[in-house]
Amino acid sequence: EYPDNGDFSFDSLMVPTEDLKPDQPRLLAVDNEVVVPVNK
């Protein structure tokens, strides 16, 4: 949840091995990443 940036929320689930993109690590990549600004 992002209470300070519009109070929206989302789920983040692991990407199955067969759906991985070339730059995504196995067992670590997710469908929805948490996004934050640098140096904050």
Full PDB file with SEQRES, HELIX, SHEET, SSBOND, CRYST1, ORIGX, SCALE, CONECT and MASTER records, all heavy atoms in Angstrom:
SEQRES   1 A   40  GLU TYR PRO ASP ASN GLY ASP PHE SER PHE ASP SER LEU          
SEQRES   2 A   40  MET VAL PRO THR GLU ASP LEU LYS PRO ASP GLN PRO ARG          
SEQRES   3 A   40  LEU LEU ALA VAL ASP ASN GLU VAL VAL VAL PRO VAL ASN          
SEQRES   4 A   40  LYS                                                          
HELIX    1 AA1 THR A   17  ASP A   19  5                                   3    
CRYST1    1.000    1.000    1.000  90.00  90.00  90.00 P 1           1          
ORIGX1      1.000000  0.000000  0.000000        0.00000                         
ORIGX2      0.000000  1.000000  0.000000        0.00000                         
ORIGX3      0.000000  0.000000  1.000000        0.00000                         
SCALE1      1.000000  0.000000  0.000000        0.00000                         
SCALE2      0.000000  1.000000  0.000000        0.00000                         
SCALE3      0.000000  0.000000  1.000000        0.00000                         
ATOM      1  N   GLU A   1       0.849  -1.190   0.000  1.00  0.00           N  
ATOM      2  CA  GLU A   1       0.000   0.000   0.000  1.00  0.00           C  
ATOM      3  C   GLU A   1       0.888   1.244   0.000  1.00  0.00           C  
ATOM      4  O   GLU A   1       1.962   1.249   0.603  1.00  0.00           O  
ATOM      5  CB  GLU A   1      -0.914   0.015   1.228  1.00  0.00           C  
ATOM      6  CG  GLU A   1      -1.848  -1.182   1.337  1.00  0.00           C  
ATOM      7  CD  GLU A   1      -2.622  -1.191   2.640  1.00  0.00           C  
ATOM      8  OE1 GLU A   1      -2.973  -0.086   3.115  1.00  0.00           O  
ATOM      9  OE2 GLU A   1      -2.862  -2.282   3.183  1.00  0.00           O  
ATOM     10  N   TYR A   2       0.405   2.293  -0.678  1.00  0.00           N  
ATOM     11  CA  TYR A   2       1.123   3.572  -0.751  1.00  0.00           C  
ATOM     12  C   TYR A   2       0.235   4.658  -0.139  1.00  0.00           C  
ATOM     13  O   TYR A   2      -0.404   5.428  -0.863  1.00  0.00           O  
ATOM     14  CB  TYR A   2       1.447   3.916  -2.197  1.00  0.00           C  
ATOM     15  CG  TYR A   2       2.643   3.203  -2.778  1.00  0.00           C  
ATOM     16  CD1 TYR A   2       2.607   1.837  -3.041  1.00  0.00           C  
ATOM     17  CD2 TYR A   2       3.824   3.887  -3.072  1.00  0.00           C  
ATOM     18  CE1 TYR A   2       3.694   1.172  -3.574  1.00  0.00           C  
ATOM     19  CE2 TYR A   2       4.923   3.231  -3.613  1.00  0.00           C  
ATOM     20  CZ  TYR A   2       4.848   1.874  -3.857  1.00  0.00           C  
ATOM     21  OH  TYR A   2       5.939   1.224  -4.385  1.00  0.00           O  
ATOM     22  N   PRO A   3       0.160   4.751   1.184  1.00  0.00           N  
ATOM     23  CA  PRO A   3      -0.751   5.728   1.807  1.00  0.00           C  
ATOM     24  C   PRO A   3      -0.405   7.180   1.526  1.00  0.00           C  
ATOM     25  O   PRO A   3      -1.283   8.045   1.597  1.00  0.00           O  
ATOM     26  CB  PRO A   3      -0.617   5.409   3.308  1.00  0.00           C  
ATOM     27  CG  PRO A   3       0.708   4.736   3.438  1.00  0.00           C  
ATOM     28  CD  PRO A   3       0.901   3.969   2.175  1.00  0.00           C  
ATOM     29  N   ASP A   4       0.851   7.482   1.204  1.00  0.00           N  
ATOM     30  CA  ASP A   4       1.271   8.867   0.973  1.00  0.00           C  
ATOM     31  C   ASP A   4       1.192   9.278  -0.495  1.00  0.00           C  
ATOM     32  O   ASP A   4       1.435  10.441  -0.822  1.00  0.00           O  
ATOM     33  CB  ASP A   4       2.706   9.085   1.451  1.00  0.00           C  
ATOM     34  CG  ASP A   4       2.852   8.863   2.949  1.00  0.00           C  
ATOM     35  OD1 ASP A   4       1.830   8.954   3.658  1.00  0.00           O  
ATOM     36  OD2 ASP A   4       3.981   8.594   3.401  1.00  0.00           O  
ATOM     37  N   ASN A   5       0.861   8.343  -1.363  1.00  0.00           N  
ATOM     38  CA  ASN A   5       0.910   8.639  -2.798  1.00  0.00           C  
ATOM     39  C   ASN A   5      -0.373   8.261  -3.518  1.00  0.00           C  
ATOM     40  O   ASN A   5      -0.350   7.787  -4.654  1.00  0.00           O  
ATOM     41  CB  ASN A   5       2.090   7.902  -3.446  1.00  0.00           C  
ATOM     42  CG  ASN A   5       3.415   8.261  -2.819  1.00  0.00           C  
ATOM     43  OD1 ASN A   5       3.880   7.570  -1.924  1.00  0.00           O  
ATOM     44  ND2 ASN A   5       4.029   9.355  -3.263  1.00  0.00           N  
ATOM     45  N   GLY A   6      -1.499   8.429  -2.866  1.00  0.00           N  
ATOM     46  CA  GLY A   6      -2.770   8.116  -3.497  1.00  0.00           C  
ATOM     47  C   GLY A   6      -3.515   6.981  -2.844  1.00  0.00           C  
ATOM     48  O   GLY A   6      -4.632   6.641  -3.245  1.00  0.00           O  
ATOM     49  N   ASP A   7      -2.900   6.364  -1.838  1.00  0.00           N  
ATOM     50  CA  ASP A   7      -3.550   5.310  -1.061  1.00  0.00           C  
ATOM     51  C   ASP A   7      -4.046   4.154  -1.930  1.00  0.00           C  
ATOM     52  O   ASP A   7      -5.136   3.643  -1.742  1.00  0.00           O  
ATOM     53  CB  ASP A   7      -4.713   5.887  -0.252  1.00  0.00           C  
ATOM     54  CG  ASP A   7      -5.054   5.007   0.947  1.00  0.00           C  
ATOM     55  OD1 ASP A   7      -4.195   4.190   1.346  1.00  0.00           O  
ATOM     56  OD2 ASP A   7      -6.176   5.109   1.461  1.00  0.00           O  
ATOM     57  N   PHE A   8      -3.247   3.732  -2.898  1.00  0.00           N  
ATOM     58  CA  PHE A   8      -3.598   2.563  -3.698  1.00  0.00           C  
ATOM     59  C   PHE A   8      -2.820   1.354  -3.177  1.00  0.00           C  
ATOM     60  O   PHE A   8      -1.869   1.490  -2.396  1.00  0.00           O  
ATOM     61  CB  PHE A   8      -3.286   2.797  -5.177  1.00  0.00           C  
ATOM     62  CG  PHE A   8      -1.843   3.128  -5.454  1.00  0.00           C  
ATOM     63  CD1 PHE A   8      -0.899   2.135  -5.671  1.00  0.00           C  
ATOM     64  CD2 PHE A   8      -1.422   4.465  -5.501  1.00  0.00           C  
ATOM     65  CE1 PHE A   8       0.421   2.444  -5.929  1.00  0.00           C  
ATOM     66  CE2 PHE A   8      -0.100   4.773  -5.764  1.00  0.00           C  
ATOM     67  CZ  PHE A   8       0.834   3.764  -5.975  1.00  0.00           C  
ATOM     68  N   SER A   9      -3.218   0.172  -3.591  1.00  0.00           N  
ATOM     69  CA  SER A   9      -2.551  -1.048  -3.145  1.00  0.00           C  
ATOM     70  C   SER A   9      -2.524  -2.058  -4.275  1.00  0.00           C  
ATOM     71  O   SER A   9      -3.303  -1.972  -5.235  1.00  0.00           O  
ATOM     72  CB  SER A   9      -3.275  -1.642  -1.927  1.00  0.00           C  
ATOM     73  OG  SER A   9      -4.592  -2.023  -2.265  1.00  0.00           O  
ATOM     74  N   PHE A  10      -1.621  -3.026  -4.165  1.00  0.00           N  
ATOM     75  CA  PHE A  10      -1.547  -4.091  -5.171  1.00  0.00           C  
ATOM     76  C   PHE A  10      -0.876  -5.313  -4.555  1.00  0.00           C  
ATOM     77  O   PHE A  10      -0.204  -5.232  -3.516  1.00  0.00           O  
ATOM     78  CB  PHE A  10      -0.769  -3.621  -6.409  1.00  0.00           C  
ATOM     79  CG  PHE A  10       0.631  -3.149  -6.129  1.00  0.00           C  
ATOM     80  CD1 PHE A  10       1.707  -4.023  -6.092  1.00  0.00           C  
ATOM     81  CD2 PHE A  10       0.880  -1.792  -5.894  1.00  0.00           C  
ATOM     82  CE1 PHE A  10       2.994  -3.579  -5.835  1.00  0.00           C  
ATOM     83  CE2 PHE A  10       2.179  -1.339  -5.638  1.00  0.00           C  
ATOM     84  CZ  PHE A  10       3.232  -2.231  -5.610  1.00  0.00           C  
ATOM     85  N   ASP A  11      -1.082  -6.444  -5.194  1.00  0.00           N  
ATOM     86  CA  ASP A  11      -0.451  -7.698  -4.791  1.00  0.00           C  
ATOM     87  C   ASP A  11       0.787  -7.932  -5.641  1.00  0.00           C  
ATOM     88  O   ASP A  11       0.861  -7.500  -6.793  1.00  0.00           O  
ATOM     89  CB  ASP A  11      -1.409  -8.879  -4.954  1.00  0.00           C  
ATOM     90  CG  ASP A  11      -2.681  -8.692  -4.144  1.00  0.00           C  
ATOM     91  OD1 ASP A  11      -2.584  -8.198  -3.011  1.00  0.00           O  
ATOM     92  OD2 ASP A  11      -3.765  -9.037  -4.656  1.00  0.00           O  
ATOM     93  N   SER A  12       1.751  -8.624  -5.067  1.00  0.00           N  
ATOM     94  CA  SER A  12       3.000  -8.907  -5.760  1.00  0.00           C  
ATOM     95  C   SER A  12       3.287 -10.395  -5.635  1.00  0.00           C  
ATOM     96  O   SER A  12       3.555 -10.892  -4.538  1.00  0.00           O  
ATOM     97  CB  SER A  12       4.140  -8.082  -5.149  1.00  0.00           C  
ATOM     98  OG  SER A  12       5.361  -8.326  -5.802  1.00  0.00           O  
ATOM     99  N   LEU A  13       3.228 -11.102  -6.777  1.00  0.00           N  
ATOM    100  CA  LEU A  13       3.391 -12.549  -6.790  1.00  0.00           C  
ATOM    101  C   LEU A  13       4.586 -12.950  -7.634  1.00  0.00           C  
ATOM    102  O   LEU A  13       4.946 -12.264  -8.595  1.00  0.00           O  
ATOM    103  CB  LEU A  13       2.129 -13.231  -7.337  1.00  0.00           C  
ATOM    104  CG  LEU A  13       0.870 -13.021  -6.487  1.00  0.00           C  
ATOM    105  CD1 LEU A  13      -0.014 -11.959  -7.094  1.00  0.00           C  
ATOM    106  CD2 LEU A  13       0.120 -14.330  -6.337  1.00  0.00           C  
ATOM    107  N   MET A  14       5.171 -14.058  -7.292  1.00  0.00           N  
ATOM    108  CA  MET A  14       6.335 -14.549  -8.023  1.00  0.00           C  
ATOM    109  C   MET A  14       5.961 -14.916  -9.458  1.00  0.00           C  
ATOM    110  O   MET A  14       4.904 -15.482  -9.714  1.00  0.00           O  
ATOM    111  CB  MET A  14       6.911 -15.776  -7.322  1.00  0.00           C  
ATOM    112  CG  MET A  14       8.226 -16.261  -7.890  1.00  0.00           C  
ATOM    113  SD  MET A  14       8.735 -17.847  -7.193  1.00  0.00           S  
ATOM    114  CE  MET A  14       7.660 -18.952  -8.102  1.00  0.00           C  
ATOM    115  N   VAL A  15       6.847 -14.587 -10.389  1.00  0.00           N  
ATOM    116  CA  VAL A  15       6.651 -14.957 -11.785  1.00  0.00           C  
ATOM    117  C   VAL A  15       7.064 -16.422 -11.958  1.00  0.00           C  
ATOM    118  O   VAL A  15       8.208 -16.785 -11.620  1.00  0.00           O  
ATOM    119  CB  VAL A  15       7.483 -14.058 -12.717  1.00  0.00           C  
ATOM    120  CG1 VAL A  15       7.341 -14.516 -14.162  1.00  0.00           C  
ATOM    121  CG2 VAL A  15       7.063 -12.599 -12.562  1.00  0.00           C  
ATOM    122  N   PRO A  16       6.191 -17.282 -12.471  1.00  0.00           N  
ATOM    123  CA  PRO A  16       6.561 -18.686 -12.684  1.00  0.00           C  
ATOM    124  C   PRO A  16       7.744 -18.809 -13.631  1.00  0.00           C  
ATOM    125  O   PRO A  16       7.968 -17.938 -14.492  1.00  0.00           O  
ATOM    126  CB  PRO A  16       5.294 -19.298 -13.287  1.00  0.00           C  
ATOM    127  CG  PRO A  16       4.183 -18.384 -12.877  1.00  0.00           C  
ATOM    128  CD  PRO A  16       4.785 -17.019 -12.817  1.00  0.00           C  
ATOM    129  N   THR A  17       8.494 -19.881 -13.487  1.00  0.00           N  
ATOM    130  CA  THR A  17       9.712 -20.076 -14.272  1.00  0.00           C  
ATOM    131  C   THR A  17       9.444 -20.003 -15.764  1.00  0.00           C  
ATOM    132  O   THR A  17      10.208 -19.400 -16.533  1.00  0.00           O  
ATOM    133  CB  THR A  17      10.355 -21.423 -13.919  1.00  0.00           C  
ATOM    134  OG1 THR A  17      10.653 -21.448 -12.509  1.00  0.00           O  
ATOM    135  CG2 THR A  17      11.642 -21.639 -14.699  1.00  0.00           C  
ATOM    136  N   GLU A  18       8.339 -20.614 -16.211  1.00  0.00           N  
ATOM    137  CA  GLU A  18       8.062 -20.651 -17.649  1.00  0.00           C  
ATOM    138  C   GLU A  18       7.692 -19.278 -18.215  1.00  0.00           C  
ATOM    139  O   GLU A  18       7.721 -19.074 -19.440  1.00  0.00           O  
ATOM    140  CB  GLU A  18       6.940 -21.643 -17.955  1.00  0.00           C  
ATOM    141  CG  GLU A  18       5.611 -21.340 -17.272  1.00  0.00           C  
ATOM    142  CD  GLU A  18       5.488 -21.943 -15.887  1.00  0.00           C  
ATOM    143  OE1 GLU A  18       6.532 -22.350 -15.324  1.00  0.00           O  
ATOM    144  OE2 GLU A  18       4.359 -22.008 -15.374  1.00  0.00           O  
ATOM    145  N   ASP A  19       7.348 -18.313 -17.355  1.00  0.00           N  
ATOM    146  CA  ASP A  19       6.962 -16.976 -17.821  1.00  0.00           C  
ATOM    147  C   ASP A  19       8.061 -15.935 -17.645  1.00  0.00           C  
ATOM    148  O   ASP A  19       7.851 -14.747 -17.911  1.00  0.00           O  
ATOM    149  CB  ASP A  19       5.708 -16.500 -17.066  1.00  0.00           C  
ATOM    150  CG  ASP A  19       4.497 -17.383 -17.357  1.00  0.00           C  
ATOM    151  OD1 ASP A  19       4.467 -18.005 -18.437  1.00  0.00           O  
ATOM    152  OD2 ASP A  19       3.594 -17.446 -16.497  1.00  0.00           O  
ATOM    153  N   LEU A  20       9.234 -16.359 -17.202  1.00  0.00           N  
ATOM    154  CA  LEU A  20      10.308 -15.402 -16.946  1.00  0.00           C  
ATOM    155  C   LEU A  20      10.806 -14.760 -18.234  1.00  0.00           C  
ATOM    156  O   LEU A  20      10.937 -15.414 -19.268  1.00  0.00           O  
ATOM    157  CB  LEU A  20      11.477 -16.104 -16.248  1.00  0.00           C  
ATOM    158  CG  LEU A  20      11.295 -16.491 -14.784  1.00  0.00           C  
ATOM    159  CD1 LEU A  20      12.494 -17.304 -14.311  1.00  0.00           C  
ATOM    160  CD2 LEU A  20      11.120 -15.253 -13.910  1.00  0.00           C  
ATOM    161  N   LYS A  21      11.124 -13.467 -18.142  1.00  0.00           N  
ATOM    162  CA  LYS A  21      11.787 -12.770 -19.236  1.00  0.00           C  
ATOM    163  C   LYS A  21      13.299 -12.963 -19.096  1.00  0.00           C  
ATOM    164  O   LYS A  21      13.781 -13.347 -18.024  1.00  0.00           O  
ATOM    165  CB  LYS A  21      11.413 -11.286 -19.196  1.00  0.00           C  
ATOM    166  CG  LYS A  21       9.925 -11.036 -19.399  1.00  0.00           C  
ATOM    167  CD  LYS A  21       9.602  -9.554 -19.292  1.00  0.00           C  
ATOM    168  CE  LYS A  21       8.101  -9.309 -19.469  1.00  0.00           C  
ATOM    169  NZ  LYS A  21       7.743  -7.877 -19.320  1.00  0.00           N  
ATOM    170  N   PRO A  22      14.065 -12.696 -20.138  1.00  0.00           N  
ATOM    171  CA  PRO A  22      15.514 -12.943 -20.087  1.00  0.00           C  
ATOM    172  C   PRO A  22      16.239 -12.245 -18.940  1.00  0.00           C  
ATOM    173  O   PRO A  22      17.221 -12.761 -18.419  1.00  0.00           O  
ATOM    174  CB  PRO A  22      16.007 -12.436 -21.448  1.00  0.00           C  
ATOM    175  CG  PRO A  22      14.821 -12.576 -22.344  1.00  0.00           C  
ATOM    176  CD  PRO A  22      13.618 -12.284 -21.496  1.00  0.00           C  
ATOM    177  N   ASP A  23      15.768 -11.056 -18.540  1.00  0.00           N  
ATOM    178  CA  ASP A  23      16.470 -10.312 -17.496  1.00  0.00           C  
ATOM    179  C   ASP A  23      15.888 -10.540 -16.103  1.00  0.00           C  
ATOM    180  O   ASP A  23      16.289  -9.857 -15.146  1.00  0.00           O  
ATOM    181  CB  ASP A  23      16.450  -8.820 -17.811  1.00  0.00           C  
ATOM    182  CG  ASP A  23      15.027  -8.269 -17.881  1.00  0.00           C  
ATOM    183  OD1 ASP A  23      14.086  -9.077 -18.085  1.00  0.00           O  
ATOM    184  OD2 ASP A  23      14.853  -7.043 -17.736  1.00  0.00           O  
ATOM    185  N   GLN A  24      14.959 -11.485 -15.958  1.00  0.00           N  
ATOM    186  CA  GLN A  24      14.328 -11.730 -14.667  1.00  0.00           C  
ATOM    187  C   GLN A  24      14.944 -12.954 -13.988  1.00  0.00           C  
ATOM    188  O   GLN A  24      15.044 -14.017 -14.601  1.00  0.00           O  
ATOM    189  CB  GLN A  24      12.823 -11.933 -14.828  1.00  0.00           C  
ATOM    190  CG  GLN A  24      12.066 -10.674 -15.218  1.00  0.00           C  
ATOM    191  CD  GLN A  24      10.564 -10.906 -15.317  1.00  0.00           C  
ATOM    192  OE1 GLN A  24      10.109 -11.910 -15.852  1.00  0.00           O  
ATOM    193  NE2 GLN A  24       9.794  -9.966 -14.793  1.00  0.00           N  
ATOM    194  N   PRO A  25      15.355 -12.829 -12.723  1.00  0.00           N  
ATOM    195  CA  PRO A  25      15.937 -13.967 -12.014  1.00  0.00           C  
ATOM    196  C   PRO A  25      14.875 -14.945 -11.529  1.00  0.00           C  
ATOM    197  O   PRO A  25      13.794 -14.541 -11.081  1.00  0.00           O  
ATOM    198  CB  PRO A  25      16.668 -13.319 -10.830  1.00  0.00           C  
ATOM    199  CG  PRO A  25      15.901 -12.060 -10.584  1.00  0.00           C  
ATOM    200  CD  PRO A  25      15.414 -11.588 -11.924  1.00  0.00           C  
ATOM    201  N   ARG A  26      15.165 -16.214 -11.623  1.00  0.00           N  
ATOM    202  CA  ARG A  26      14.250 -17.269 -11.187  1.00  0.00           C  
ATOM    203  C   ARG A  26      14.038 -17.205  -9.670  1.00  0.00           C  
ATOM    204  O   ARG A  26      14.967 -16.954  -8.903  1.00  0.00           O  
ATOM    205  CB  ARG A  26      14.815 -18.628 -11.580  1.00  0.00           C  
ATOM    206  CG  ARG A  26      13.994 -19.825 -11.145  1.00  0.00           C  
ATOM    207  CD  ARG A  26      14.587 -21.118 -11.657  1.00  0.00           C  
ATOM    208  NE  ARG A  26      13.882 -22.267 -11.121  1.00  0.00           N  
ATOM    209  CZ  ARG A  26      14.199 -22.875  -9.983  1.00  0.00           C  
ATOM    210  NH1 ARG A  26      15.248 -22.448  -9.288  1.00  0.00           N  
ATOM    211  NH2 ARG A  26      13.510 -23.911  -9.546  1.00  0.00           N  
ATOM    212  N   LEU A  27      12.788 -17.377  -9.256  1.00  0.00           N  
ATOM    213  CA  LEU A  27      12.357 -17.391  -7.860  1.00  0.00           C  
ATOM    214  C   LEU A  27      12.456 -16.031  -7.167  1.00  0.00           C  
ATOM    215  O   LEU A  27      12.166 -15.925  -5.978  1.00  0.00           O  
ATOM    216  CB  LEU A  27      13.149 -18.416  -7.036  1.00  0.00           C  
ATOM    217  CG  LEU A  27      13.022 -19.884  -7.454  1.00  0.00           C  
ATOM    218  CD1 LEU A  27      13.845 -20.768  -6.528  1.00  0.00           C  
ATOM    219  CD2 LEU A  27      11.572 -20.334  -7.462  1.00  0.00           C  
ATOM    220  N   LEU A  28      12.838 -14.987  -7.911  1.00  0.00           N  
ATOM    221  CA  LEU A  28      12.944 -13.655  -7.326  1.00  0.00           C  
ATOM    222  C   LEU A  28      12.086 -12.621  -8.043  1.00  0.00           C  
ATOM    223  O   LEU A  28      11.644 -11.646  -7.415  1.00  0.00           O  
ATOM    224  CB  LEU A  28      14.409 -13.185  -7.332  1.00  0.00           C  
ATOM    225  CG  LEU A  28      15.374 -13.924  -6.408  1.00  0.00           C  
ATOM    226  CD1 LEU A  28      16.800 -13.420  -6.611  1.00  0.00           C  
ATOM    227  CD2 LEU A  28      14.966 -13.777  -4.945  1.00  0.00           C  
ATOM    228  N   ALA A  29      11.857 -12.803  -9.335  1.00  0.00           N  
ATOM    229  CA  ALA A  29      11.073 -11.826 -10.106  1.00  0.00           C  
ATOM    230  C   ALA A  29       9.606 -11.890  -9.700  1.00  0.00           C  
ATOM    231  O   ALA A  29       9.067 -12.953  -9.370  1.00  0.00           O  
ATOM    232  CB  ALA A  29      11.222 -12.098 -11.595  1.00  0.00           C  
ATOM    233  N   VAL A  30       8.945 -10.740  -9.733  1.00  0.00           N  
ATOM    234  CA  VAL A  30       7.524 -10.656  -9.378  1.00  0.00           C  
ATOM    235  C   VAL A  30       6.762  -9.925 -10.481  1.00  0.00           C  
ATOM    236  O   VAL A  30       7.351  -9.231 -11.311  1.00  0.00           O  
ATOM    237  CB  VAL A  30       7.330  -9.922  -8.029  1.00  0.00           C  
ATOM    238  CG1 VAL A  30       8.028 -10.671  -6.907  1.00  0.00           C  
ATOM    239  CG2 VAL A  30       7.845  -8.494  -8.112  1.00  0.00           C  
ATOM    240  N   ASP A  31       5.427 -10.088 -10.458  1.00  0.00           N  
ATOM    241  CA  ASP A  31       4.625  -9.434 -11.491  1.00  0.00           C  
ATOM    242  C   ASP A  31       4.489  -7.938 -11.251  1.00  0.00           C  
ATOM    243  O   ASP A  31       4.471  -7.135 -12.182  1.00  0.00           O  
ATOM    244  CB  ASP A  31       3.245 -10.102 -11.599  1.00  0.00           C  
ATOM    245  CG  ASP A  31       2.479 -10.088 -10.285  1.00  0.00           C  
ATOM    246  OD1 ASP A  31       3.067  -9.724  -9.243  1.00  0.00           O  
ATOM    247  OD2 ASP A  31       1.296 -10.466 -10.288  1.00  0.00           O  
ATOM    248  N   ASN A  32       4.396  -7.518  -9.980  1.00  0.00           N  
ATOM    249  CA  ASN A  32       4.275  -6.098  -9.642  1.00  0.00           C  
ATOM    250  C   ASN A  32       5.352  -5.726  -8.627  1.00  0.00           C  
ATOM    251  O   ASN A  32       5.305  -6.162  -7.476  1.00  0.00           O  
ATOM    252  CB  ASN A  32       2.887  -5.794  -9.061  1.00  0.00           C  
ATOM    253  CG  ASN A  32       1.791  -5.951 -10.090  1.00  0.00           C  
ATOM    254  OD1 ASN A  32       1.884  -5.429 -11.197  1.00  0.00           O  
ATOM    255  ND2 ASN A  32       0.740  -6.689  -9.732  1.00  0.00           N  
ATOM    256  N   GLU A  33       6.310  -4.935  -9.079  1.00  0.00           N  
ATOM    257  CA  GLU A  33       7.411  -4.545  -8.203  1.00  0.00           C  
ATOM    258  C   GLU A  33       7.040  -3.327  -7.361  1.00  0.00           C  
ATOM    259  O   GLU A  33       6.241  -2.484  -7.778  1.00  0.00           O  
ATOM    260  CB  GLU A  33       8.652  -4.210  -9.030  1.00  0.00           C  
ATOM    261  CG  GLU A  33       9.155  -5.370  -9.885  1.00  0.00           C  
ATOM    262  CD  GLU A  33      10.179  -4.927 -10.914  1.00  0.00           C  
ATOM    263  OE1 GLU A  33      10.210  -3.716 -11.242  1.00  0.00           O  
ATOM    264  OE2 GLU A  33      10.945  -5.787 -11.379  1.00  0.00           O  
ATOM    265  N   VAL A  34       7.631  -3.233  -6.187  1.00  0.00           N  
ATOM    266  CA  VAL A  34       7.553  -2.008  -5.404  1.00  0.00           C  
ATOM    267  C   VAL A  34       8.463  -0.986  -6.081  1.00  0.00           C  
ATOM    268  O   VAL A  34       9.594  -1.302  -6.444  1.00  0.00           O  
ATOM    269  CB  VAL A  34       8.027  -2.246  -3.953  1.00  0.00           C  
ATOM    270  CG1 VAL A  34       8.020  -0.945  -3.166  1.00  0.00           C  
ATOM    271  CG2 VAL A  34       7.136  -3.279  -3.281  1.00  0.00           C  
ATOM    272  N   VAL A  35       7.967   0.218  -6.270  1.00  0.00           N  
ATOM    273  CA  VAL A  35       8.738   1.267  -6.931  1.00  0.00           C  
ATOM    274  C   VAL A  35       8.930   2.426  -5.955  1.00  0.00           C  
ATOM    275  O   VAL A  35       7.959   2.891  -5.337  1.00  0.00           O  
ATOM    276  CB  VAL A  35       8.044   1.761  -8.218  1.00  0.00           C  
ATOM    277  CG1 VAL A  35       8.862   2.854  -8.883  1.00  0.00           C  
ATOM    278  CG2 VAL A  35       7.840   0.597  -9.184  1.00  0.00           C  
ATOM    279  N   VAL A  36      10.174   2.865  -5.800  1.00  0.00           N  
ATOM    280  CA  VAL A  36      10.489   3.973  -4.892  1.00  0.00           C  
ATOM    281  C   VAL A  36      11.478   4.907  -5.575  1.00  0.00           C  
ATOM    282  O   VAL A  36      12.225   4.482  -6.466  1.00  0.00           O  
ATOM    283  CB  VAL A  36      11.072   3.472  -3.552  1.00  0.00           C  
ATOM    284  CG1 VAL A  36      10.073   2.590  -2.816  1.00  0.00           C  
ATOM    285  CG2 VAL A  36      12.376   2.729  -3.783  1.00  0.00           C  
ATOM    286  N   PRO A  37      11.524   6.168  -5.171  1.00  0.00           N  
ATOM    287  CA  PRO A  37      12.496   7.106  -5.765  1.00  0.00           C  
ATOM    288  C   PRO A  37      13.875   6.964  -5.115  1.00  0.00           C  
ATOM    289  O   PRO A  37      13.994   6.612  -3.944  1.00  0.00           O  
ATOM    290  CB  PRO A  37      11.878   8.475  -5.457  1.00  0.00           C  
ATOM    291  CG  PRO A  37      11.065   8.251  -4.234  1.00  0.00           C  
ATOM    292  CD  PRO A  37      10.559   6.844  -4.293  1.00  0.00           C  
ATOM    293  N   VAL A  38      14.901   7.260  -5.879  1.00  0.00           N  
ATOM    294  CA  VAL A  38      16.268   7.157  -5.396  1.00  0.00           C  
ATOM    295  C   VAL A  38      16.564   8.280  -4.398  1.00  0.00           C  
ATOM    296  O   VAL A  38      16.006   9.387  -4.499  1.00  0.00           O  
ATOM    297  CB  VAL A  38      17.252   7.191  -6.592  1.00  0.00           C  
ATOM    298  CG1 VAL A  38      17.268   8.576  -7.235  1.00  0.00           C  
ATOM    299  CG2 VAL A  38      18.653   6.781  -6.162  1.00  0.00           C  
ATOM    300  N   ASN A  39      17.405   7.994  -3.417  1.00  0.00           N  
ATOM    301  CA  ASN A  39      17.874   8.957  -2.415  1.00  0.00           C  
ATOM    302  C   ASN A  39      16.774   9.521  -1.530  1.00  0.00           C  
ATOM    303  O   ASN A  39      16.966  10.562  -0.884  1.00  0.00           O  
ATOM    304  CB  ASN A  39      18.629  10.117  -3.078  1.00  0.00           C  
ATOM    305  CG  ASN A  39      19.952   9.672  -3.671  1.00  0.00           C  
ATOM    306  OD1 ASN A  39      20.636   8.842  -3.100  1.00  0.00           O  
ATOM    307  ND2 ASN A  39      20.303  10.229  -4.827  1.00  0.00           N  
ATOM    308  N   LYS A  40      15.633   8.859  -1.461  1.00  0.00           N  
ATOM    309  CA  LYS A  40      14.561   9.273  -0.561  1.00  0.00           C  
ATOM    310  C   LYS A  40      14.463   8.288   0.604  1.00  0.00           C  
ATOM    311  O   LYS A  40      14.662   7.086   0.424  1.00  0.00           O  
ATOM    312  CB  LYS A  40      13.220   9.341  -1.299  1.00  0.00           C  
ATOM    313  CG  LYS A  40      13.166  10.401  -2.389  1.00  0.00           C  
ATOM    314  CD  LYS A  40      13.298  11.813  -1.819  1.00  0.00           C  
ATOM    315  CE  LYS A  40      13.159  12.869  -2.908  1.00  0.00           C  
ATOM    316  NZ  LYS A  40      13.290  14.240  -2.370  1.00  0.00           N  
TER     317      LYS A  40                                                      
MASTER        0    0    0    1    0    0    0    6  316    1    0    4          
END                                                                             
